N, C-alpha and C. Protein backbone atom coordinates (compact mmCIF):
# COMPACT_ATOMS: atom_id res chain seq x y z
N UNK A 1 10.39 32.39 -53.85
CA UNK A 1 11.37 31.84 -52.99
C UNK A 1 10.72 31.48 -51.70
N UNK A 2 11.23 30.30 -51.31
CA UNK A 2 10.73 29.84 -49.90
C UNK A 2 11.86 30.00 -48.98
N UNK A 3 11.74 31.03 -47.99
CA UNK A 3 12.70 31.33 -47.10
C UNK A 3 12.70 30.49 -45.88
N UNK A 4 13.79 29.85 -45.48
CA UNK A 4 13.93 29.25 -44.14
C UNK A 4 12.64 29.16 -43.32
N UNK A 5 11.81 28.39 -43.85
CA UNK A 5 10.62 28.01 -43.02
C UNK A 5 10.82 26.53 -42.64
N UNK A 6 11.90 25.95 -42.79
CA UNK A 6 12.23 24.67 -42.22
C UNK A 6 11.35 23.53 -42.70
N UNK A 7 11.11 23.55 -44.07
CA UNK A 7 10.40 22.41 -44.65
C UNK A 7 11.33 21.25 -44.82
N UNK A 8 10.78 20.03 -44.78
CA UNK A 8 11.66 18.80 -44.75
C UNK A 8 11.52 18.13 -46.13
N UNK A 9 10.38 18.46 -46.91
CA UNK A 9 10.39 17.85 -48.30
C UNK A 9 9.47 18.84 -49.07
N UNK A 10 9.69 18.63 -50.38
CA UNK A 10 8.98 19.52 -51.27
C UNK A 10 7.52 19.29 -51.33
N UNK A 11 6.86 20.33 -51.05
CA UNK A 11 5.34 20.30 -50.89
C UNK A 11 4.69 19.95 -52.29
N UNK A 12 3.83 18.98 -52.35
CA UNK A 12 3.22 18.55 -53.63
C UNK A 12 2.40 19.62 -54.32
N UNK A 13 1.77 20.54 -53.52
CA UNK A 13 1.00 21.67 -54.25
C UNK A 13 2.04 22.58 -55.12
N UNK A 14 3.28 22.53 -54.90
CA UNK A 14 4.23 23.26 -55.80
C UNK A 14 4.19 22.67 -57.25
N UNK A 15 3.85 21.44 -57.27
CA UNK A 15 3.87 20.71 -58.63
C UNK A 15 2.77 21.22 -59.42
N UNK A 16 1.82 21.85 -58.93
CA UNK A 16 0.76 22.61 -59.68
C UNK A 16 1.05 23.87 -60.28
N UNK A 17 2.25 24.41 -59.90
CA UNK A 17 2.64 25.68 -60.57
C UNK A 17 3.24 25.42 -61.84
N UNK A 18 2.51 25.22 -62.76
CA UNK A 18 2.88 24.73 -64.22
C UNK A 18 3.92 25.55 -64.78
N UNK A 19 3.88 26.88 -64.64
CA UNK A 19 4.81 27.77 -65.41
C UNK A 19 5.93 28.14 -64.48
N UNK A 20 6.29 27.45 -63.31
CA UNK A 20 7.38 27.76 -62.60
C UNK A 20 8.71 27.58 -63.20
N UNK A 21 9.60 28.62 -63.15
CA UNK A 21 10.91 28.44 -63.87
C UNK A 21 11.94 28.34 -62.98
N UNK A 22 11.71 29.09 -61.86
CA UNK A 22 12.92 29.13 -60.86
C UNK A 22 12.30 28.81 -59.51
N UNK A 23 12.96 27.99 -58.64
CA UNK A 23 12.53 27.56 -57.34
C UNK A 23 13.71 27.69 -56.38
N UNK A 24 13.63 28.68 -55.44
CA UNK A 24 14.65 28.78 -54.43
C UNK A 24 14.15 28.30 -53.15
N UNK A 25 14.63 27.11 -52.86
CA UNK A 25 14.14 26.44 -51.50
C UNK A 25 15.34 26.19 -50.65
N UNK A 26 16.30 27.12 -50.69
CA UNK A 26 17.49 27.20 -49.84
C UNK A 26 17.27 27.40 -48.43
N UNK A 27 18.25 26.88 -47.55
CA UNK A 27 18.18 27.14 -46.14
C UNK A 27 16.93 26.58 -45.52
N UNK A 28 16.55 25.30 -45.80
CA UNK A 28 15.40 24.62 -45.20
C UNK A 28 16.09 23.39 -44.62
N UNK A 29 15.21 22.35 -44.53
CA UNK A 29 15.59 21.06 -43.81
C UNK A 29 15.38 19.89 -44.74
N UNK A 30 15.62 20.00 -46.00
CA UNK A 30 15.43 19.00 -47.06
C UNK A 30 16.54 17.93 -46.94
N UNK A 31 16.32 16.77 -46.67
CA UNK A 31 17.32 15.69 -46.33
C UNK A 31 17.58 14.94 -47.69
N UNK A 32 16.64 14.71 -48.52
CA UNK A 32 16.88 13.86 -49.61
C UNK A 32 16.55 14.51 -50.94
N UNK A 33 17.49 14.30 -51.87
CA UNK A 33 17.28 14.92 -53.21
C UNK A 33 16.00 14.22 -53.92
N UNK A 34 15.60 13.14 -53.45
CA UNK A 34 14.49 12.46 -54.07
C UNK A 34 13.12 13.01 -53.65
N UNK A 35 13.26 13.93 -52.72
CA UNK A 35 12.11 14.57 -52.33
C UNK A 35 11.47 15.62 -53.41
N UNK A 36 12.33 15.90 -54.48
CA UNK A 36 11.85 16.75 -55.56
C UNK A 36 11.21 16.00 -56.60
N UNK A 37 10.92 14.72 -56.44
CA UNK A 37 10.18 13.94 -57.47
C UNK A 37 8.95 14.45 -57.96
N UNK A 38 8.15 15.16 -56.83
CA UNK A 38 6.85 15.69 -57.22
C UNK A 38 6.99 16.82 -58.24
N UNK A 39 8.21 17.39 -58.42
CA UNK A 39 8.22 18.52 -59.42
C UNK A 39 8.61 18.06 -60.76
N UNK A 40 8.67 16.66 -60.98
CA UNK A 40 9.11 16.25 -62.39
C UNK A 40 8.31 16.63 -63.38
N UNK A 41 6.92 16.93 -63.18
CA UNK A 41 6.02 17.23 -64.23
C UNK A 41 6.16 18.73 -64.71
N UNK A 42 6.87 19.59 -63.93
CA UNK A 42 7.00 20.95 -64.23
C UNK A 42 7.98 21.10 -65.46
N UNK A 43 7.28 21.34 -66.63
CA UNK A 43 8.09 21.41 -67.92
C UNK A 43 8.99 22.63 -67.98
N UNK A 44 8.66 23.66 -67.24
CA UNK A 44 9.50 25.00 -67.35
C UNK A 44 10.47 25.27 -66.27
N UNK A 45 10.57 24.37 -65.23
CA UNK A 45 11.52 24.48 -64.25
C UNK A 45 12.92 24.30 -64.72
N UNK A 46 13.68 25.31 -64.65
CA UNK A 46 15.15 25.33 -65.12
C UNK A 46 16.11 25.51 -64.12
N UNK A 47 15.83 26.21 -63.09
CA UNK A 47 16.74 26.58 -62.03
C UNK A 47 16.27 26.28 -60.63
N UNK A 48 16.92 25.47 -59.98
CA UNK A 48 16.56 24.98 -58.60
C UNK A 48 17.80 25.38 -57.59
N UNK A 49 17.43 26.08 -56.63
CA UNK A 49 18.35 26.58 -55.58
C UNK A 49 18.08 25.82 -54.31
N UNK A 50 19.05 25.06 -53.99
CA UNK A 50 18.82 24.20 -52.70
C UNK A 50 19.95 24.32 -51.66
N UNK A 51 20.84 25.27 -51.91
CA UNK A 51 22.02 25.37 -50.91
C UNK A 51 21.46 25.63 -49.43
N UNK A 52 22.36 25.10 -48.58
CA UNK A 52 21.93 25.26 -47.05
C UNK A 52 21.07 24.29 -46.60
N UNK A 53 20.56 23.15 -47.34
CA UNK A 53 19.87 22.03 -46.92
C UNK A 53 20.69 20.99 -46.63
N UNK A 54 20.34 20.12 -45.56
CA UNK A 54 21.24 19.04 -45.17
C UNK A 54 21.70 18.07 -46.33
N UNK A 55 20.80 17.93 -47.28
CA UNK A 55 21.19 17.07 -48.45
C UNK A 55 22.41 17.69 -49.10
N UNK A 56 22.65 18.85 -49.14
CA UNK A 56 23.95 19.35 -49.66
C UNK A 56 25.23 18.95 -49.32
N UNK A 57 25.21 18.28 -48.18
CA UNK A 57 26.44 17.64 -47.61
C UNK A 57 26.73 16.24 -48.36
N UNK A 58 25.80 15.81 -49.03
CA UNK A 58 26.05 14.47 -49.73
C UNK A 58 26.99 14.65 -50.97
N UNK A 59 27.88 13.78 -51.16
CA UNK A 59 28.66 13.86 -52.50
C UNK A 59 27.70 13.62 -53.67
N UNK A 60 27.84 14.58 -54.62
CA UNK A 60 27.12 14.45 -55.80
C UNK A 60 25.60 14.74 -55.66
N UNK A 61 25.16 15.52 -54.70
CA UNK A 61 23.77 15.72 -54.58
C UNK A 61 23.07 16.31 -55.91
N UNK A 62 23.91 17.14 -56.61
CA UNK A 62 23.36 17.74 -57.76
C UNK A 62 23.14 16.65 -58.75
N UNK A 63 24.01 15.69 -58.92
CA UNK A 63 23.77 14.60 -59.82
C UNK A 63 22.48 13.87 -59.57
N UNK A 64 22.28 13.57 -58.27
CA UNK A 64 21.04 12.95 -57.90
C UNK A 64 19.83 13.81 -58.30
N UNK A 65 19.84 15.06 -58.06
CA UNK A 65 18.71 16.02 -58.40
C UNK A 65 18.46 15.95 -59.96
N UNK A 66 19.59 15.92 -60.73
CA UNK A 66 19.42 15.79 -62.09
C UNK A 66 18.79 14.48 -62.58
N UNK A 67 19.06 13.40 -61.82
CA UNK A 67 18.37 12.17 -62.17
C UNK A 67 16.87 12.37 -61.94
N UNK A 68 16.57 13.00 -60.90
CA UNK A 68 15.21 13.16 -60.49
C UNK A 68 14.44 14.17 -61.35
N UNK A 69 15.09 15.15 -61.73
CA UNK A 69 14.60 16.38 -62.60
C UNK A 69 15.54 16.52 -63.83
N UNK A 70 15.50 15.70 -64.75
CA UNK A 70 16.37 15.73 -65.95
C UNK A 70 16.30 17.08 -66.64
N UNK A 71 15.15 17.82 -66.73
CA UNK A 71 15.08 18.98 -67.58
C UNK A 71 15.65 20.26 -66.91
N UNK A 72 16.14 20.13 -65.75
CA UNK A 72 16.97 21.34 -65.09
C UNK A 72 18.09 21.73 -65.77
N UNK A 73 18.28 23.06 -65.92
CA UNK A 73 19.58 23.58 -66.48
C UNK A 73 20.54 23.99 -65.42
N UNK A 74 20.07 24.35 -64.22
CA UNK A 74 20.98 24.89 -63.16
C UNK A 74 20.57 24.39 -61.84
N UNK A 75 21.52 24.12 -61.06
CA UNK A 75 21.29 23.78 -59.65
C UNK A 75 22.17 24.70 -58.81
N UNK A 76 21.66 25.30 -57.89
CA UNK A 76 22.32 26.33 -56.95
C UNK A 76 23.03 27.28 -57.88
N UNK A 77 22.29 27.88 -58.86
CA UNK A 77 22.67 28.92 -59.78
C UNK A 77 23.91 28.65 -60.51
N UNK A 78 24.31 27.40 -60.68
CA UNK A 78 25.46 27.07 -61.44
C UNK A 78 25.10 25.99 -62.55
N UNK A 79 25.75 26.12 -63.70
CA UNK A 79 25.53 25.11 -64.75
C UNK A 79 26.33 23.79 -64.20
N UNK A 80 25.65 22.69 -64.47
CA UNK A 80 26.13 21.41 -64.08
C UNK A 80 26.38 20.61 -65.11
N UNK A 81 27.55 20.09 -65.44
CA UNK A 81 27.84 19.15 -66.51
C UNK A 81 27.50 17.74 -65.98
N UNK A 82 26.61 17.09 -66.60
CA UNK A 82 26.09 15.76 -66.13
C UNK A 82 26.59 14.66 -67.21
N UNK A 83 27.24 13.68 -66.72
CA UNK A 83 27.58 12.52 -67.55
C UNK A 83 27.17 11.25 -67.00
N UNK A 84 26.73 10.32 -67.64
CA UNK A 84 26.28 8.98 -67.24
C UNK A 84 27.53 8.13 -67.27
N UNK A 85 27.78 7.50 -66.10
CA UNK A 85 28.79 6.63 -65.95
C UNK A 85 28.45 5.15 -65.70
N UNK A 86 28.77 4.35 -66.50
CA UNK A 86 28.38 2.80 -66.32
C UNK A 86 29.48 2.09 -65.84
N UNK A 87 29.19 1.21 -64.85
CA UNK A 87 30.22 0.33 -64.32
C UNK A 87 29.66 -1.08 -64.42
N UNK A 88 30.50 -2.00 -64.97
CA UNK A 88 30.17 -3.35 -65.19
C UNK A 88 30.66 -4.24 -64.17
N UNK A 89 30.00 -5.18 -63.68
CA UNK A 89 30.52 -6.10 -62.64
C UNK A 89 30.15 -7.49 -63.41
N UNK A 90 30.51 -8.51 -62.69
CA UNK A 90 30.27 -9.84 -63.31
C UNK A 90 28.93 -10.27 -63.72
N UNK A 91 27.89 -9.64 -63.00
CA UNK A 91 26.57 -10.11 -63.13
C UNK A 91 25.67 -8.99 -63.68
N UNK A 92 25.98 -7.70 -63.45
CA UNK A 92 25.06 -6.70 -63.88
C UNK A 92 25.85 -5.41 -64.17
N UNK A 93 25.11 -4.51 -64.66
CA UNK A 93 25.66 -3.06 -64.91
C UNK A 93 24.92 -2.07 -64.05
N UNK A 94 25.76 -1.28 -63.47
CA UNK A 94 25.29 -0.22 -62.67
C UNK A 94 25.49 1.11 -63.24
N UNK A 95 24.79 2.10 -63.02
CA UNK A 95 25.08 3.46 -63.44
C UNK A 95 24.74 4.61 -62.44
N UNK A 96 25.56 5.63 -62.58
CA UNK A 96 25.04 6.76 -61.76
C UNK A 96 25.43 7.98 -62.45
N UNK A 97 24.83 9.17 -62.11
CA UNK A 97 25.03 10.34 -62.82
C UNK A 97 26.05 11.16 -61.99
N UNK A 98 27.12 11.61 -62.55
CA UNK A 98 28.08 12.43 -62.02
C UNK A 98 27.96 13.87 -62.38
N UNK A 99 27.94 14.70 -61.47
CA UNK A 99 27.69 16.20 -61.77
C UNK A 99 28.89 16.86 -61.30
N UNK A 100 29.41 17.82 -62.20
CA UNK A 100 30.62 18.60 -61.89
C UNK A 100 30.08 20.03 -62.07
N UNK A 101 30.52 21.03 -61.30
CA UNK A 101 30.31 22.35 -61.46
C UNK A 101 31.19 22.90 -62.59
N UNK A 102 30.72 23.68 -63.55
CA UNK A 102 31.55 24.28 -64.60
C UNK A 102 31.51 25.80 -64.46
């Protein structure tokens, strides 16, 4: 657990903790869900707790985290149902991940 030390992004040395299963990085100063990309190589990471960070005020922050870390099972200790939604326009297709707490 990383307690309120006011970090602003996920420190890349964490990505060397290959057997890490749960990471509680709540109550810090992480602004972007994309800061977790350095953890994408952690095969065993299943639970990420991020509540209390500025990024949690974004709509669908959990869905963005799931796009960055698709192997996760839990975000903020809750199961998240993730579905891919595709939207077609005249010239291209856009997609985003919607996450709902269940």
